[in-house]
PDB file of N, CA and C in Angstrom:
ATOM      1  N   MET A   1      78.053 -63.031 -43.178  1.00  0.00           N
ATOM      2  CA  MET A   1      78.514 -64.426 -42.737  1.00  0.00           C
ATOM      3  C   MET A   1      78.218 -64.924 -41.388  1.00  0.00           C
ATOM      4  N   ARG A   2      77.404 -66.331 -41.371  1.00  0.00           N
ATOM      5  CA  ARG A   2      77.036 -66.922 -40.306  1.00  0.00           C
ATOM      6  C   ARG A   2      77.949 -66.916 -39.148  1.00  0.00           C
ATOM      7  N   GLN A   3      77.167 -67.377 -37.926  1.00  0.00           N
ATOM      8  CA  GLN A   3      77.637 -67.117 -36.656  1.00  0.00           C
ATOM      9  C   GLN A   3      77.751 -69.085 -36.769  1.00  0.00           C
ATOM     10  N   LEU A   4      79.550 -69.064 -36.317  1.00  0.00           N
ATOM     11  CA  LEU A   4      79.461 -70.929 -36.154  1.00  0.00           C
ATOM     12  C   LEU A   4      79.175 -71.364 -34.888  1.00  0.00           C
ATOM     13  N   ARG A   5      78.695 -72.168 -35.281  1.00  0.00           N
ATOM     14  CA  ARG A   5      77.727 -72.454 -33.774  1.00  0.00           C
ATOM     15  C   ARG A   5      76.995 -74.048 -34.232  1.00  0.00           C
ATOM     16  N   LEU A   6      77.394 -75.270 -33.892  1.00  0.00           N
ATOM     17  CA  LEU A   6      77.251 -77.006 -34.269  1.00  0.00           C
ATOM     18  C   LEU A   6      75.557 -76.504 -33.906  1.00  0.00           C
ATOM     19  N   ARG A   7      74.104 -76.885 -34.499  1.00  0.00           N
ATOM     20  CA  ARG A   7      73.081 -77.617 -33.824  1.00  0.00           C
ATOM     21  C   ARG A   7      72.861 -78.754 -34.334  1.00  0.00           C
ATOM     22  N   LEU A   8      72.468 -79.665 -33.557  1.00  0.00           N
ATOM     23  CA  LEU A   8      72.687 -81.057 -33.485  1.00  0.00           C
ATOM     24  C   LEU A   8      70.721 -81.020 -33.164  1.00  0.00           C
ATOM     25  N   PRO A   9      70.298 -82.120 -34.249  1.00  0.00           N
ATOM     26  CA  PRO A   9      68.774 -81.739 -34.518  1.00  0.00           C
ATOM     27  C   PRO A   9      68.524 -82.708 -33.129  1.00  0.00           C
ATOM     28  N   LEU A  10      67.565 -82.721 -32.670  1.00  0.00           N
ATOM     29  CA  LEU A  10      66.924 -83.197 -31.170  1.00  0.00           C
ATOM     30  C   LEU A  10      66.715 -84.742 -31.851  1.00  0.00           C
ATOM     31  N   PRO A  11      67.457 -85.751 -30.407  1.00  0.00           N
ATOM     32  CA  PRO A  11      66.898 -87.239 -31.102  1.00  0.00           C
ATOM     33  C   PRO A  11      65.497 -87.827 -31.723  1.00  0.00           C
ATOM     34  N   PRO A  12      64.076 -87.173 -31.738  1.00  0.00           N
ATOM     35  CA  PRO A  12      62.934 -87.261 -32.424  1.00  0.00           C
ATOM     36  C   PRO A  12      63.286 -87.252 -33.969  1.00  0.00           C
ATOM     37  N   MET A  13      63.749 -86.016 -33.692  1.00  0.00           N
ATOM     38  CA  MET A  13      64.015 -85.713 -35.676  1.00  0.00           C
ATOM     39  C   MET A  13      65.218 -86.780 -36.177  1.00  0.00           C
ATOM     40  N   LEU A  14      66.169 -87.038 -35.534  1.00  0.00           N
ATOM     41  CA  LEU A  14      66.914 -87.424 -36.122  1.00  0.00           C
ATOM     42  C   LEU A  14      66.280 -88.869 -36.389  1.00  0.00           C
ATOM     43  N   GLU A  15      65.256 -89.495 -35.346  1.00  0.00           N
ATOM     44  CA  GLU A  15      64.745 -90.802 -35.762  1.00  0.00           C
ATOM     45  C   GLU A  15      64.088 -90.706 -37.149  1.00  0.00           C
ATOM     46  N   ARG A  16      63.375 -89.681 -37.231  1.00  0.00           N
ATOM     47  CA  ARG A  16      62.935 -89.855 -38.574  1.00  0.00           C
ATOM     48  C   ARG A  16      63.685 -89.016 -39.763  1.00  0.00           C
ATOM     49  N   SER A  17      64.524 -88.325 -39.322  1.00  0.00           N
ATOM     50  CA  SER A  17      65.469 -88.249 -41.288  1.00  0.00           C
ATOM     51  C   SER A  17      66.929 -88.198 -40.257  1.00  0.00           C
ATOM     52  N   PRO A  18      67.997 -89.398 -40.149  1.00  0.00           N
ATOM     53  CA  PRO A  18      69.058 -89.246 -39.180  1.00  0.00           C
ATOM     54  C   PRO A  18      70.241 -88.742 -40.640  1.00  0.00           C
ATOM     55  N   GLU A  19      69.579 -88.430 -41.432  1.00  0.00           N
ATOM     56  CA  GLU A  19      70.745 -87.324 -42.689  1.00  0.00           C
ATOM     57  C   GLU A  19      71.055 -86.056 -41.661  1.00  0.00           C
ATOM     58  N   LEU A  20      70.332 -85.626 -40.793  1.00  0.00           N
ATOM     59  CA  LEU A  20      70.125 -84.372 -40.401  1.00  0.00           C
ATOM     60  C   LEU A  20      71.539 -84.148 -39.624  1.00  0.00           C
ATOM     61  N   ALA A  21      72.327 -85.092 -38.767  1.00  0.00           N
ATOM     62  CA  ALA A  21      73.142 -85.397 -38.085  1.00  0.00           C
ATOM     63  C   ALA A  21      74.400 -85.075 -38.520  1.00  0.00           C
ATOM     64  N   ALA A  22      74.739 -85.818 -39.733  1.00  0.00           N
ATOM     65  CA  ALA A  22      75.361 -85.442 -40.995  1.00  0.00           C
ATOM     66  C   ALA A  22      75.658 -83.762 -41.642  1.00  0.00           C
ATOM     67  N   LEU A  23      74.041 -83.694 -41.784  1.00  0.00           N
ATOM     68  CA  LEU A  23      73.914 -82.566 -42.717  1.00  0.00           C
ATOM     69  C   LEU A  23      74.394 -81.292 -41.769  1.00  0.00           C
ATOM     70  N   ALA A  24      74.330 -81.018 -40.632  1.00  0.00           N
ATOM     71  CA  ALA A  24      74.466 -80.078 -39.210  1.00  0.00           C
ATOM     72  C   ALA A  24      75.758 -80.184 -39.465  1.00  0.00           C
ATOM     73  N   ILE A  25      76.420 -80.968 -39.245  1.00  0.00           N
ATOM     74  CA  ILE A  25      78.202 -80.840 -39.315  1.00  0.00           C
ATOM     75  C   ILE A  25      78.847 -80.327 -40.812  1.00  0.00           C
ATOM     76  N   LEU A  26      78.026 -80.781 -41.710  1.00  0.00           N
ATOM     77  CA  LEU A  26      78.866 -80.133 -43.301  1.00  0.00           C
ATOM     78  C   LEU A  26      78.423 -78.581 -42.885  1.00  0.00           C
ATOM     79  N   GLU A  27      77.039 -78.490 -42.020  1.00  0.00           N
ATOM     80  CA  GLU A  27      76.916 -76.937 -42.063  1.00  0.00           C
ATOM     81  C   GLU A  27      77.880 -75.564 -41.254  1.00  0.00           C
ATOM     82  N   ALA A  28      78.179 -76.624 -40.423  1.00  0.00           N
ATOM     83  CA  ALA A  28      79.163 -75.914 -39.693  1.00  0.00           C
ATOM     84  C   ALA A  28      80.732 -75.907 -40.529  1.00  0.00           C
ATOM     85  N   ALA A  29      81.462 -76.740 -40.894  1.00  0.00           N
ATOM     86  CA  ALA A  29      82.200 -76.805 -41.293  1.00  0.00           C
ATOM     87  C   ALA A  29      82.212 -75.544 -42.935  1.00  0.00           C
ATOM     88  N   LEU A  30      81.276 -75.653 -43.446  1.00  0.00           N
ATOM     89  CA  LEU A  30      80.945 -74.501 -44.300  1.00  0.00           C
ATOM     90  C   LEU A  30      80.908 -73.391 -43.792  1.00  0.00           C
ATOM     91  N   THR A  31      80.834 -73.166 -42.784  1.00  0.00           N
ATOM     92  CA  THR A  31      80.552 -71.619 -42.042  1.00  0.00           C
ATOM     93  C   THR A  31      82.102 -71.562 -41.189  1.00  0.00           C
ATOM     94  N   ALA A  32      82.845 -72.379 -41.301  1.00  0.00           N
ATOM     95  CA  ALA A  32      84.354 -72.567 -40.492  1.00  0.00           C
ATOM     96  C   ALA A  32      84.750 -72.045 -41.659  1.00  0.00           C
ATOM     97  N   SER A  33      84.624 -72.629 -42.646  1.00  0.00           N
ATOM     98  CA  SER A  33      85.632 -72.578 -43.552  1.00  0.00           C
ATOM     99  C   SER A  33      85.221 -71.516 -44.632  1.00  0.00           C
ATOM    100  N   GLU A  34      84.584 -70.680 -44.705  1.00  0.00           N
ATOM    101  CA  GLU A  34      83.609 -69.195 -45.251  1.00  0.00           C
ATOM    102  C   GLU A  34      85.209 -68.369 -44.177  1.00  0.00           C
ATOM    103  N   ALA A  35      84.397 -68.534 -43.078  1.00  0.00           N
ATOM    104  CA  ALA A  35      85.017 -67.758 -41.737  1.00  0.00           C
ATOM    105  C   ALA A  35      86.742 -67.639 -42.081  1.00  0.00           C
ATOM    106  N   ALA A  36      87.187 -68.960 -41.944  1.00  0.00           N
ATOM    107  CA  ALA A  36      88.910 -68.640 -42.244  1.00  0.00           C
ATOM    108  C   ALA A  36      89.041 -68.402 -43.804  1.00  0.00           C
ATOM    109  N   LEU A  37      88.409 -68.164 -44.226  1.00  0.00           N
ATOM    110  CA  LEU A  37      88.567 -68.033 -45.812  1.00  0.00           C
ATOM    111  C   LEU A  37      88.557 -66.273 -45.560  1.00  0.00           C
ATOM    112  N   LEU A  38      87.456 -65.759 -45.152  1.00  0.00           N
ATOM    113  CA  LEU A  38      87.471 -64.110 -45.443  1.00  0.00           C
ATOM    114  C   LEU A  38      88.498 -63.659 -44.294  1.00  0.00           C
ATOM    115  N   ALA A  39      89.146 -64.648 -42.711  1.00  0.00           N
ATOM    116  CA  ALA A  39      90.122 -64.279 -42.646  1.00  0.00           C
ATOM    117  C   ALA A  39      91.416 -64.113 -43.323  1.00  0.00           C
ATOM    118  N   ALA A  40      91.657 -64.889 -43.926  1.00  0.00           N
ATOM    119  CA  ALA A  40      92.925 -65.098 -44.672  1.00  0.00           C
ATOM    120  C   ALA A  40      92.943 -64.189 -46.332  1.00  0.00           C
ATOM    121  N   TYR A  41      91.679 -64.021 -46.215  1.00  0.00           N
ATOM    122  CA  TYR A  41      91.801 -62.613 -47.550  1.00  0.00           C
ATOM    123  C   TYR A  41      90.765 -61.565 -47.183  1.00  0.00           C
ATOM    124  N   ALA A  42      90.972 -60.904 -46.491  1.00  0.00           N
ATOM    125  CA  ALA A  42      90.273 -59.821 -45.833  1.00  0.00           C
ATOM    126  C   ALA A  42      89.901 -58.852 -47.087  1.00  0.00           C
ATOM    127  N   GLU A  43      90.473 -58.721 -48.272  1.00  0.00           N
ATOM    128  CA  GLU A  43      89.947 -58.217 -49.294  1.00  0.00           C
ATOM    129  C   GLU A  43      88.729 -58.745 -50.029  1.00  0.00           C
ATOM    130  N   LEU A  44      88.375 -60.189 -49.734  1.00  0.00           N
ATOM    131  CA  LEU A  44      87.033 -60.221 -50.226  1.00  0.00           C
ATOM    132  C   LEU A  44      85.681 -59.880 -49.248  1.00  0.00           C
ATOM    133  N   TYR A  45      86.568 -59.196 -48.065  1.00  0.00           N
ATOM    134  CA  TYR A  45      85.232 -58.466 -47.079  1.00  0.00           C
ATOM    135  C   TYR A  45      84.417 -57.684 -48.203  1.00  0.00           C
ATOM    136  N   ASN A  46      85.028 -56.500 -48.543  1.00  0.00           N
ATOM    137  CA  ASN A  46      84.925 -55.493 -49.515  1.00  0.00           C
ATOM    138  C   ASN A  46      84.349 -55.637 -50.852  1.00  0.00           C
ATOM    139  N   GLY A  47      85.179 -57.129 -51.473  1.00  0.00           N
ATOM    140  CA  GLY A  47      84.641 -57.213 -52.526  1.00  0.00           C
ATOM    141  C   GLY A  47      85.767 -57.008 -53.692  1.00  0.00           C
ATOM    142  N   ALA A  48      87.021 -56.277 -53.200  1.00  0.00           N
ATOM    143  CA  ALA A  48      87.967 -55.493 -54.059  1.00  0.00           C
ATOM    144  C   ALA A  48      88.924 -56.632 -54.802  1.00  0.00           C
ATOM    145  N   LEU A  49      88.200 -57.343 -55.718  1.00  0.00           N
ATOM    146  CA  LEU A  49      88.719 -57.947 -56.322  1.00  0.00           C
ATOM    147  C   LEU A  49      89.287 -57.924 -57.843  1.00  0.00           C
ATOM    148  N   GLU A  50      89.280 -56.195 -58.348  1.00  0.00           N
ATOM    149  CA  GLU A  50      89.233 -56.074 -59.480  1.00  0.00           C
ATOM    150  C   GLU A  50      90.885 -56.122 -59.777  1.00  0.00           C
ATOM    151  N   GLY A  51      91.276 -56.371 -60.385  1.00  0.00           N
ATOM    152  CA  GLY A  51      93.015 -56.191 -61.082  1.00  0.00           C
ATOM    153  C   GLY A  51      93.279 -57.939 -60.603  1.00  0.00           C
ATOM    154  N   ILE A  52      92.913 -58.010 -59.926  1.00  0.00           N
ATOM    155  CA  ILE A  52      93.777 -59.467 -59.574  1.00  0.00           C
ATOM    156  C   ILE A  52      94.006 -60.763 -60.710  1.00  0.00           C
ATOM    157  N   PRO A  53      94.817 -61.257 -60.761  1.00  0.00           N
ATOM    158  CA  PRO A  53      95.200 -61.981 -62.301  1.00  0.00           C
ATOM    159  C   PRO A  53      94.509 -63.317 -61.878  1.00  0.00           C
ATOM    160  N   ARG A  54      93.614 -63.955 -63.192  1.00  0.00           N
ATOM    161  CA  ARG A  54      93.187 -65.055 -63.047  1.00  0.00           C
ATOM    162  C   ARG A  54      94.056 -65.940 -62.412  1.00  0.00           C
ATOM    163  N   GLY A  55      92.768 -67.214 -61.398  1.00  0.00           N
ATOM    164  CA  GLY A  55      93.931 -68.246 -61.058  1.00  0.00           C
ATOM    165  C   GLY A  55      94.308 -67.599 -59.859  1.00  0.00           C
ATOM    166  N   ALA A  56      94.109 -66.178 -59.747  1.00  0.00           N
ATOM    167  CA  ALA A  56      94.933 -66.254 -57.790  1.00  0.00           C
ATOM    168  C   ALA A  56      94.231 -67.163 -56.913  1.00  0.00           C
ATOM    169  N   SER A  57      94.959 -67.349 -55.825  1.00  0.00           N
ATOM    170  CA  SER A  57      94.132 -68.084 -54.603  1.00  0.00           C
ATOM    171  C   SER A  57      92.944 -66.989 -53.895  1.00  0.00           C
ATOM    172  N   VAL A  58      93.278 -65.637 -54.376  1.00  0.00           N
ATOM    173  CA  VAL A  58      92.133 -64.884 -53.653  1.00  0.00           C
ATOM    174  C   VAL A  58      91.158 -65.271 -54.276  1.00  0.00           C
ATOM    175  N   LEU A  59      90.827 -65.295 -55.620  1.00  0.00           N
ATOM    176  CA  LEU A  59      89.751 -65.408 -57.105  1.00  0.00           C
ATOM    177  C   LEU A  59      89.196 -66.939 -56.078  1.00  0.00           C
ATOM    178  N   ARG A  60      90.260 -67.981 -56.220  1.00  0.00           N
ATOM    179  CA  ARG A  60      89.605 -69.685 -55.541  1.00  0.00           C
ATOM    180  C   ARG A  60      88.628 -69.373 -54.639  1.00  0.00           C
ATOM    181  N   ALA A  61      89.260 -68.775 -53.206  1.00  0.00           N
ATOM    182  CA  ALA A  61      89.032 -68.511 -52.147  1.00  0.00           C
ATOM    183  C   ALA A  61      87.486 -67.988 -51.894  1.00  0.00           C
ATOM    184  N   ASN A  62      87.470 -67.269 -53.343  1.00  0.00           N
ATOM    185  CA  ASN A  62      85.847 -66.397 -53.113  1.00  0.00           C
ATOM    186  C   ASN A  62      84.871 -67.862 -54.087  1.00  0.00           C
ATOM    187  N   ALA A  63      85.274 -68.140 -54.777  1.00  0.00           N
ATOM    188  CA  ALA A  63      84.582 -69.183 -55.846  1.00  0.00           C
ATOM    189  C   ALA A  63      83.671 -70.341 -54.468  1.00  0.00           C
ATOM    190  N   ILE A  64      85.074 -70.225 -53.850  1.00  0.00           N
ATOM    191  CA  ILE A  64      84.527 -71.949 -52.336  1.00  0.00           C
ATOM    192  C   ILE A  64      84.040 -71.041 -51.628  1.00  0.00           C
ATOM    193  N   ILE A  65      83.554 -69.880 -51.760  1.00  0.00           N
ATOM    194  CA  ILE A  65      82.511 -68.812 -50.723  1.00  0.00           C
ATOM    195  C   ILE A  65      81.315 -68.627 -50.903  1.00  0.00           C
ATOM    196  N   ILE A  66      81.383 -68.837 -52.732  1.00  0.00           N
ATOM    197  CA  ILE A  66      80.422 -68.583 -52.875  1.00  0.00           C
ATOM    198  C   ILE A  66      79.515 -69.798 -53.044  1.00  0.00           C
ATOM    199  N   HIS A  67      80.178 -71.222 -53.564  1.00  0.00           N
ATOM    200  CA  HIS A  67      79.673 -72.532 -53.678  1.00  0.00           C
ATOM    201  C   HIS A  67      79.512 -72.926 -52.192  1.00  0.00           C
ATOM    202  N   ALA A  68      80.114 -72.330 -51.352  1.00  0.00           N
ATOM    203  CA  ALA A  68      79.982 -72.927 -49.847  1.00  0.00           C
ATOM    204  C   ALA A  68      78.393 -71.992 -49.415  1.00  0.00           C
ATOM    205  N   ARG A  69      78.336 -70.992 -49.636  1.00  0.00           N
ATOM    206  CA  ARG A  69      76.791 -70.748 -49.617  1.00  0.00           C
ATOM    207  C   ARG A  69      75.663 -70.911 -50.344  1.00  0.00           C
ATOM    208  N   ARG A  70      75.381 -71.098 -51.675  1.00  0.00           N
ATOM    209  CA  ARG A  70      75.034 -72.045 -52.284  1.00  0.00           C
ATOM    210  C   ARG A  70      74.479 -73.469 -51.583  1.00  0.00           C
ATOM    211  N   LEU A  71      75.396 -74.319 -51.376  1.00  0.00           N
ATOM    212  CA  LEU A  71      74.888 -75.334 -50.535  1.00  0.00           C
ATOM    213  C   LEU A  71      74.607 -75.599 -49.706  1.00  0.00           C
ATOM    214  N   ALA A  72      75.413 -74.117 -48.612  1.00  0.00           N
ATOM    215  CA  ALA A  72      74.310 -74.063 -47.964  1.00  0.00           C
ATOM    216  C   ALA A  72      72.948 -73.728 -47.594  1.00  0.00           C
ATOM    217  N   ALA A  73      72.175 -72.852 -48.914  1.00  0.00           N
ATOM    218  CA  ALA A  73      70.978 -72.853 -48.946  1.00  0.00           C
ATOM    219  C   ALA A  73      70.556 -73.714 -49.277  1.00  0.00           C
ATOM    220  N   ALA A  74      71.018 -74.563 -50.778  1.00  0.00           N
ATOM    221  CA  ALA A  74      70.634 -76.330 -50.809  1.00  0.00           C
ATOM    222  C   ALA A  74      69.712 -76.781 -49.699  1.00  0.00           C
ATOM    223  N   LEU A  75      70.882 -76.948 -48.762  1.00  0.00           N
ATOM    224  CA  LEU A  75      70.857 -77.776 -47.988  1.00  0.00           C
ATOM    225  C   LEU A  75      69.660 -77.134 -46.779  1.00  0.00           C
ATOM    226  N   ALA A  76      69.151 -76.077 -46.509  1.00  0.00           N
ATOM    227  CA  ALA A  76      68.670 -75.269 -45.760  1.00  0.00           C
ATOM    228  C   ALA A  76      66.831 -75.570 -46.076  1.00  0.00           C
ATOM    229  N   THR A  77      67.320 -75.214 -47.718  1.00  0.00           N
ATOM    230  CA  THR A  77      65.423 -75.834 -48.647  1.00  0.00           C
ATOM    231  C   THR A  77      65.576 -77.328 -48.123  1.00  0.00           C
ATOM    232  N   TYR A  78      66.517 -78.349 -48.659  1.00  0.00           N
ATOM    233  CA  TYR A  78      66.049 -79.720 -48.265  1.00  0.00           C
ATOM    234  C   TYR A  78      65.526 -79.929 -47.009  1.00  0.00           C
ATOM    235  N   ARG A  79      65.941 -78.975 -45.784  1.00  0.00           N
ATOM    236  CA  ARG A  79      65.549 -79.452 -44.840  1.00  0.00           C
ATOM    237  C   ARG A  79      64.421 -79.223 -44.351  1.00  0.00           C
ATOM    238  N   ASP A  80      63.545 -77.617 -44.589  1.00  0.00           N
ATOM    239  CA  ASP A  80      62.692 -77.316 -44.560  1.00  0.00           C
ATOM    240  C   ASP A  80      61.723 -78.185 -45.651  1.00  0.00           C
ATOM    241  N   SER A  81      62.118 -79.056 -46.597  1.00  0.00           N
ATOM    242  CA  SER A  81      61.103 -80.265 -47.350  1.00  0.00           C
ATOM    243  C   SER A  81      61.117 -81.526 -46.495  1.00  0.00           C
ATOM    244  N   LEU A  82      62.305 -81.555 -45.425  1.00  0.00           N
ATOM    245  CA  LEU A  82      61.705 -82.379 -44.672  1.00  0.00           C
ATOM    246  C   LEU A  82      61.123 -82.564 -43.574  1.00  0.00           C
ATOM    247  N   ASP A  83      60.876 -80.957 -43.254  1.00  0.00           N
ATOM    248  CA  ASP A  83      59.906 -80.510 -41.725  1.00  0.00           C
ATOM    249  C   ASP A  83      58.425 -80.475 -42.986  1.00  0.00           C
ATOM    250  N   ARG A  84      58.572 -79.757 -44.227  1.00  0.00           N
ATOM    251  CA  ARG A  84      57.241 -80.205 -44.917  1.00  0.00           C
ATOM    252  C   ARG A  84      57.109 -81.459 -44.939  1.00  0.00           C
ATOM    253  N   ASP A  85      57.517 -82.403 -45.338  1.00  0.00           N
ATOM    254  CA  ASP A  85      56.754 -83.964 -45.340  1.00  0.00           C
ATOM    255  C   ASP A  85      57.075 -84.344 -44.059  1.00  0.00           C
ATOM    256  N   ALA A  86      56.709 -83.830 -42.707  1.00  0.00           N
ATOM    257  CA  ALA A  86      56.936 -84.557 -41.637  1.00  0.00           C
ATOM    258  C   ALA A  86      55.454 -83.709 -41.259  1.00  0.00           C
ATOM    259  N   LEU A  87      55.325 -82.768 -41.383  1.00  0.00           N
ATOM    260  CA  LEU A  87      54.137 -82.109 -41.196  1.00  0.00           C
ATOM    261  C   LEU A  87      52.959 -82.683 -41.931  1.00  0.00           C
ATOM    262  N   ARG A  88      53.158 -83.445 -43.064  1.00  0.00           N
ATOM    263  CA  ARG A  88      51.673 -84.269 -43.872  1.00  0.00           C
ATOM    264  C   ARG A  88      51.709 -85.201 -43.065  1.00  0.00           C
ATOM    265  N   GLU A  89      53.053 -85.807 -42.900  1.00  0.00           N
ATOM    266  CA  GLU A  89      52.729 -87.138 -42.231  1.00  0.00           C
ATOM    267  C   GLU A  89      51.655 -86.881 -41.132  1.00  0.00           C
ATOM    268  N   ASP A  90      52.744 -86.348 -40.286  1.00  0.00           N
ATOM    269  CA  ASP A  90      51.354 -85.878 -38.792  1.00  0.00           C
ATOM    270  C   ASP A  90      50.333 -85.659 -39.233  1.00  0.00           C
ATOM    271  N   ARG A  91      49.830 -84.809 -40.194  1.00  0.00           N
ATOM    272  CA  ARG A  91      48.462 -84.637 -40.533  1.00  0.00           C
ATOM    273  C   ARG A  91      47.959 -85.653 -40.734  1.00  0.00           C
ATOM    274  N   ALA A  92      48.655 -86.281 -41.742  1.00  0.00           N
ATOM    275  CA  ALA A  92      47.712 -87.930 -42.038  1.00  0.00           C
ATOM    276  C   ALA A  92      46.862 -88.838 -41.402  1.00  0.00           C
ATOM    277  N   ARG A  93      48.383 -88.789 -40.642  1.00  0.00           N
ATOM    278  CA  ARG A  93      48.337 -89.930 -39.081  1.00  0.00           C
ATOM    279  C   ARG A  93      46.918 -89.421 -38.034  1.00  0.00           C
ATOM    280  N   HIS A  94      46.883 -88.032 -37.826  1.00  0.00           N
ATOM    281  CA  HIS A  94      46.189 -87.579 -37.153  1.00  0.00           C
ATOM    282  C   HIS A  94      44.454 -87.325 -37.400  1.00  0.00           C
ATOM    283  N   ARG A  95      43.965 -87.293 -38.829  1.00  0.00           N
ATOM    284  CA  ARG A  95      43.435 -87.830 -39.340  1.00  0.00           C
ATOM    285  C   ARG A  95      42.198 -88.927 -38.837  1.00  0.00           C
ATOM    286  N   ILE A  96      40.851 -88.631 -38.727  1.00  0.00           N
ATOM    287  CA  ILE A  96      40.569 -89.470 -38.555  1.00  0.00           C
ATOM    288  C   ILE A  96      39.211 -89.901 -39.427  1.00  0.00           C
ATOM    289  N   SER A  97      39.243 -91.384 -40.383  1.00  0.00           N
ATOM    290  CA  SER A  97      38.392 -91.574 -41.225  1.00  0.00           C
ATOM    291  C   SER A  97      37.147 -92.304 -40.520  1.00  0.00           C
ATOM    292  N   PHE A  98      36.314 -91.910 -41.392  1.00  0.00           N
ATOM    293  CA  PHE A  98      34.915 -92.419 -40.859  1.00  0.00           C
ATOM    294  C   PHE A  98      34.259 -93.237 -41.874  1.00  0.00           C
TER     295      PHE A  98
END
């Protein structure tokens, strides 16, 4: 589980990509949700899900955690692509044409 921390982007980053503010809040919400679900269903820590009936709340909580982790990974990939785009733009801006 990730540490719960709201890491807001710096103003220069927000100027270039304002959506990063909302994404930072979403990431914090995903982390908080995972922590709350793990606290509510201790059996999710060790994966003891055998024998639990289909549709049980613990299985639904597990599905939410799985989807939240996938969304967090997708957000990280998106943020990385923004960084790469910004780096490309900076390089292009600093090239000297002769």
